[in-house]
Amino acid sequence: MPIGRYAVTILLGLALLVAVLLLVRPFIFTFAEARDDRNYPVIAAAEVDDGPRAVEIVLNDSHGLLGEVVRDERVGFTVIVAPVPGGEGFTAVGAWSPVNDCPVVIAADRLRDCADVAWTWAGVPLDAADPPLQAFPTDERNGAVVVDFTAPGEPGAI
């Protein structure tokens, strides 16, 4: 009976496919990078090439960052990602002013807060008396800007 052989062949093929999927799936999770606040893909690098972008994200955990918004079990945070002049990487800084405790916005050629205190796109203050913005280590992987939100520091020191 050819129909019986076809049915058995199809069933064996499906069983083999399921077995391969069950064997491959654990390897994907074993070798894939962890997706946590140390390894957070924020934005596509191509979107930032033209200038800085403010990106609102949800963190996995609270890290006590300036401007963190905790609601129930969710932690909201806004980060500004900008290209480094010369095209060699990206910077990421928190979009919260350490001077006036208000949001930082993107102006034409700088970042500024509600009282017009200004910083470069990298978070360095234009007035040496002002503190820098919180900066975070960045890396570009697979066309995305990846940020480590667990290690804030000062611009230039990261």
C-alpha atoms as a PDB file:
ATOM      1  CA  MET A   1       0.000   0.000   0.000  1.00  0.00           C
ATOM      2  CA  PRO A   2       1.705   3.191  -1.171  1.00  0.00           C
ATOM      3  CA  ILE A   3      -0.594   5.436   0.903  1.00  0.00           C
ATOM      4  CA  GLY A   4       0.456   3.677   4.104  1.00  0.00           C
ATOM      5  CA  ARG A   5       4.145   4.082   3.215  1.00  0.00           C
ATOM      6  CA  TYR A   6       3.649   7.773   2.519  1.00  0.00           C
ATOM      7  CA  ALA A   7       1.848   8.250   5.815  1.00  0.00           C
ATOM      8  CA  VAL A   8       4.604   6.447   7.736  1.00  0.00           C
ATOM      9  CA  THR A   9       7.290   8.427   5.868  1.00  0.00           C
ATOM     10  CA  ILE A  10       5.567  11.718   6.665  1.00  0.00           C
ATOM     11  CA  LEU A  11       5.170  10.784  10.332  1.00  0.00           C
ATOM     12  CA  LEU A  12       8.841   9.767  10.556  1.00  0.00           C
ATOM     13  CA  GLY A  13       9.873  13.023   8.873  1.00  0.00           C
ATOM     14  CA  LEU A  14       7.805  15.076  11.324  1.00  0.00           C
ATOM     15  CA  ALA A  15       9.245  13.126  14.269  1.00  0.00           C
ATOM     16  CA  LEU A  16      12.769  13.765  12.965  1.00  0.00           C
ATOM     17  CA  LEU A  17      12.022  17.484  12.545  1.00  0.00           C
ATOM     18  CA  VAL A  18      10.664  17.748  16.096  1.00  0.00           C
ATOM     19  CA  ALA A  19      13.739  15.895  17.434  1.00  0.00           C
ATOM     20  CA  VAL A  20      16.095  18.297  15.621  1.00  0.00           C
ATOM     21  CA  LEU A  21      14.175  21.317  16.947  1.00  0.00           C
ATOM     22  CA  LEU A  22      14.329  19.980  20.493  1.00  0.00           C
ATOM     23  CA  LEU A  23      18.098  19.479  20.179  1.00  0.00           C
ATOM     24  CA  VAL A  24      18.869  22.858  18.546  1.00  0.00           C
ATOM     25  CA  ARG A  25      16.724  25.068  20.783  1.00  0.00           C
ATOM     26  CA  PRO A  26      18.877  24.671  23.931  1.00  0.00           C
ATOM     27  CA  PHE A  27      22.006  25.558  21.943  1.00  0.00           C
ATOM     28  CA  ILE A  28      20.429  28.835  20.833  1.00  0.00           C
ATOM     29  CA  PHE A  29      19.853  29.879  24.435  1.00  0.00           C
ATOM     30  CA  THR A  30      23.250  28.569  25.538  1.00  0.00           C
ATOM     31  CA  PHE A  31      25.269  30.606  23.056  1.00  0.00           C
ATOM     32  CA  ALA A  32      23.084  33.718  22.764  1.00  0.00           C
ATOM     33  CA  GLU A  33      24.071  36.799  24.759  1.00  0.00           C
ATOM     34  CA  ALA A  34      21.983  37.602  27.800  1.00  0.00           C
ATOM     35  CA  ARG A  35      19.449  40.393  27.322  1.00  0.00           C
ATOM     36  CA  ASP A  36      19.589  42.323  30.555  1.00  0.00           C
ATOM     37  CA  ASP A  37      20.568  45.830  31.621  1.00  0.00           C
ATOM     38  CA  ARG A  38      24.271  45.073  30.955  1.00  0.00           C
ATOM     39  CA  ASN A  39      23.571  44.269  27.330  1.00  0.00           C
ATOM     40  CA  TYR A  40      20.645  46.481  26.266  1.00  0.00           C
ATOM     41  CA  PRO A  41      20.181  47.168  22.527  1.00  0.00           C
ATOM     42  CA  VAL A  42      18.762  50.701  22.555  1.00  0.00           C
ATOM     43  CA  ILE A  43      18.519  51.892  18.953  1.00  0.00           C
ATOM     44  CA  ALA A  44      19.711  51.056  15.451  1.00  0.00           C
ATOM     45  CA  ALA A  45      23.079  52.661  14.746  1.00  0.00           C
ATOM     46  CA  ALA A  46      21.815  54.004  11.406  1.00  0.00           C
ATOM     47  CA  GLU A  47      19.144  56.047  13.210  1.00  0.00           C
ATOM     48  CA  VAL A  48      21.764  57.832  15.315  1.00  0.00           C
ATOM     49  CA  ASP A  49      24.225  58.587  12.504  1.00  0.00           C
ATOM     50  CA  ASP A  50      22.388  61.820  11.633  1.00  0.00           C
ATOM     51  CA  GLY A  51      22.368  63.176  15.179  1.00  0.00           C
ATOM     52  CA  PRO A  52      21.374  62.438  18.759  1.00  0.00           C
ATOM     53  CA  ARG A  53      18.140  60.675  19.644  1.00  0.00           C
ATOM     54  CA  ALA A  54      16.252  60.496  22.931  1.00  0.00           C
ATOM     55  CA  VAL A  55      15.015  56.975  23.578  1.00  0.00           C
ATOM     56  CA  GLU A  56      12.591  55.948  26.312  1.00  0.00           C
ATOM     57  CA  ILE A  57      13.229  52.422  27.550  1.00  0.00           C
ATOM     58  CA  VAL A  58      12.064  50.025  30.247  1.00  0.00           C
ATOM     59  CA  LEU A  59      14.881  48.591  32.358  1.00  0.00           C
ATOM     60  CA  ASN A  60      14.760  45.161  33.979  1.00  0.00           C
ATOM     61  CA  ASP A  61      15.827  46.467  37.394  1.00  0.00           C
ATOM     62  CA  SER A  62      16.211  49.768  39.214  1.00  0.00           C
ATOM     63  CA  HIS A  63      19.834  50.980  39.342  1.00  0.00           C
ATOM     64  CA  GLY A  64      19.305  54.290  41.139  1.00  0.00           C
ATOM     65  CA  LEU A  65      19.981  56.289  37.969  1.00  0.00           C
ATOM     66  CA  LEU A  66      19.132  59.994  37.777  1.00  0.00           C
ATOM     67  CA  GLY A  67      15.714  60.333  36.158  1.00  0.00           C
ATOM     68  CA  GLU A  68      14.633  56.738  36.718  1.00  0.00           C
ATOM     69  CA  VAL A  69      10.857  56.424  36.985  1.00  0.00           C
ATOM     70  CA  VAL A  70       9.638  53.420  38.979  1.00  0.00           C
ATOM     71  CA  ARG A  71       5.977  52.460  38.554  1.00  0.00           C
ATOM     72  CA  ASP A  72       4.882  49.211  40.165  1.00  0.00           C
ATOM     73  CA  GLU A  73       7.535  46.760  38.996  1.00  0.00           C
ATOM     74  CA  ARG A  74       8.525  48.677  35.841  1.00  0.00           C
ATOM     75  CA  VAL A  75      11.490  51.013  35.641  1.00  0.00           C
ATOM     76  CA  GLY A  76      11.343  53.696  32.952  1.00  0.00           C
ATOM     77  CA  PHE A  77      14.392  55.620  31.830  1.00  0.00           C
ATOM     78  CA  THR A  78      15.232  58.049  29.037  1.00  0.00           C
ATOM     79  CA  VAL A  79      18.661  57.944  27.447  1.00  0.00           C
ATOM     80  CA  ILE A  80      20.181  60.184  24.777  1.00  0.00           C
ATOM     81  CA  VAL A  81      22.326  58.360  22.231  1.00  0.00           C
ATOM     82  CA  ALA A  82      24.586  60.414  19.949  1.00  0.00           C
ATOM     83  CA  PRO A  83      27.347  59.709  17.437  1.00  0.00           C
ATOM     84  CA  VAL A  84      30.905  60.512  18.461  1.00  0.00           C
ATOM     85  CA  PRO A  85      32.354  63.223  16.184  1.00  0.00           C
ATOM     86  CA  GLY A  86      34.440  61.553  13.512  1.00  0.00           C
ATOM     87  CA  GLY A  87      32.162  58.534  13.315  1.00  0.00           C
ATOM     88  CA  GLU A  88      34.038  56.370  15.813  1.00  0.00           C
ATOM     89  CA  GLY A  89      31.281  55.002  18.024  1.00  0.00           C
ATOM     90  CA  PHE A  90      28.418  56.359  20.073  1.00  0.00           C
ATOM     91  CA  THR A  91      27.785  57.992  23.434  1.00  0.00           C
ATOM     92  CA  ALA A  92      24.852  57.357  25.751  1.00  0.00           C
ATOM     93  CA  VAL A  93      23.895  59.709  28.577  1.00  0.00           C
ATOM     94  CA  GLY A  94      20.935  59.898  30.920  1.00  0.00           C
ATOM     95  CA  ALA A  95      18.381  62.522  29.938  1.00  0.00           C
ATOM     96  CA  TRP A  96      18.107  63.991  33.440  1.00  0.00           C
ATOM     97  CA  SER A  97      19.812  67.115  34.753  1.00  0.00           C
ATOM     98  CA  PRO A  98      21.945  66.630  37.869  1.00  0.00           C
ATOM     99  CA  VAL A  99      21.827  70.439  38.356  1.00  0.00           C
ATOM    100  CA  ASN A 100      18.117  71.297  38.240  1.00  0.00           C
ATOM    101  CA  ASP A 101      16.433  67.894  38.664  1.00  0.00           C
ATOM    102  CA  CYS A 102      14.527  68.135  35.383  1.00  0.00           C
ATOM    103  CA  PRO A 103      14.612  66.450  31.955  1.00  0.00           C
ATOM    104  CA  VAL A 104      17.401  67.159  29.477  1.00  0.00           C
ATOM    105  CA  VAL A 105      16.346  67.842  25.879  1.00  0.00           C
ATOM    106  CA  ILE A 106      18.205  67.860  22.582  1.00  0.00           C
ATOM    107  CA  ALA A 107      18.881  71.372  21.261  1.00  0.00           C
ATOM    108  CA  ALA A 108      20.432  72.266  17.905  1.00  0.00           C
ATOM    109  CA  ASP A 109      24.056  71.662  18.891  1.00  0.00           C
ATOM    110  CA  ARG A 110      23.913  70.703  22.576  1.00  0.00           C
ATOM    111  CA  LEU A 111      21.826  69.198  25.347  1.00  0.00           C
ATOM    112  CA  ARG A 112      20.065  71.558  27.755  1.00  0.00           C
ATOM    113  CA  ASP A 113      17.805  71.373  30.774  1.00  0.00           C
ATOM    114  CA  CYS A 114      14.833  73.442  32.000  1.00  0.00           C
ATOM    115  CA  ALA A 115      17.124  76.268  33.256  1.00  0.00           C
ATOM    116  CA  ASP A 116      19.292  76.350  30.097  1.00  0.00           C
ATOM    117  CA  VAL A 117      22.275  74.582  31.670  1.00  0.00           C
ATOM    118  CA  ALA A 118      24.032  73.000  28.695  1.00  0.00           C
ATOM    119  CA  TRP A 119      26.149  69.931  27.916  1.00  0.00           C
ATOM    120  CA  THR A 120      27.755  68.513  24.802  1.00  0.00           C
ATOM    121  CA  TRP A 121      26.062  65.523  23.198  1.00  0.00           C
ATOM    122  CA  ALA A 122      28.559  63.367  25.118  1.00  0.00           C
ATOM    123  CA  GLY A 123      27.342  64.813  28.453  1.00  0.00           C
ATOM    124  CA  VAL A 124      30.323  67.091  29.159  1.00  0.00           C
ATOM    125  CA  PRO A 125      29.178  70.403  30.708  1.00  0.00           C
ATOM    126  CA  LEU A 126      29.797  73.580  28.723  1.00  0.00           C
ATOM    127  CA  ASP A 127      30.337  75.433  32.010  1.00  0.00           C
ATOM    128  CA  ALA A 128      33.118  73.742  33.994  1.00  0.00           C
ATOM    129  CA  ALA A 129      31.285  74.527  37.255  1.00  0.00           C
ATOM    130  CA  ASP A 130      28.400  72.206  36.313  1.00  0.00           C
ATOM    131  CA  PRO A 131      28.513  68.434  36.815  1.00  0.00           C
ATOM    132  CA  PRO A 132      28.491  66.083  33.801  1.00  0.00           C
ATOM    133  CA  LEU A 133      25.527  63.961  32.826  1.00  0.00           C
ATOM    134  CA  GLN A 134      25.501  60.272  33.745  1.00  0.00           C
ATOM    135  CA  ALA A 135      27.209  58.419  30.914  1.00  0.00           C
ATOM    136  CA  PHE A 136      27.076  54.718  30.051  1.00  0.00           C
ATOM    137  CA  PRO A 137      29.443  52.388  28.187  1.00  0.00           C
ATOM    138  CA  THR A 138      28.313  51.685  24.629  1.00  0.00           C
ATOM    139  CA  ASP A 139      29.183  49.224  21.917  1.00  0.00           C
ATOM    140  CA  GLU A 140      27.923  48.669  18.393  1.00  0.00           C
ATOM    141  CA  ARG A 141      26.859  45.101  17.676  1.00  0.00           C
ATOM    142  CA  ASN A 142      25.000  43.821  14.642  1.00  0.00           C
ATOM    143  CA  GLY A 143      23.948  47.336  13.652  1.00  0.00           C
ATOM    144  CA  ALA A 144      22.556  48.257  17.078  1.00  0.00           C
ATOM    145  CA  VAL A 145      23.878  50.569  19.786  1.00  0.00           C
ATOM    146  CA  VAL A 146      24.169  48.382  22.891  1.00  0.00           C
ATOM    147  CA  VAL A 147      24.384  50.112  26.289  1.00  0.00           C
ATOM    148  CA  ASP A 148      25.427  48.869  29.740  1.00  0.00           C
ATOM    149  CA  PHE A 149      23.094  50.581  32.229  1.00  0.00           C
ATOM    150  CA  THR A 150      24.679  48.882  35.237  1.00  0.00           C
ATOM    151  CA  ALA A 151      27.925  50.882  35.031  1.00  0.00           C
ATOM    152  CA  PRO A 152      27.171  54.623  34.926  1.00  0.00           C
ATOM    153  CA  GLY A 153      30.107  57.009  35.016  1.00  0.00           C
ATOM    154  CA  GLU A 154      31.353  60.331  33.784  1.00  0.00           C
ATOM    155  CA  PRO A 155      31.748  61.159  30.088  1.00  0.00           C
ATOM    156  CA  GLY A 156      35.238  60.418  28.851  1.00  0.00           C
ATOM    157  CA  ALA A 157      35.983  58.072  31.755  1.00  0.00           C
ATOM    158  CA  ILE A 158      34.011  55.228  30.187  1.00  0.00           C
END
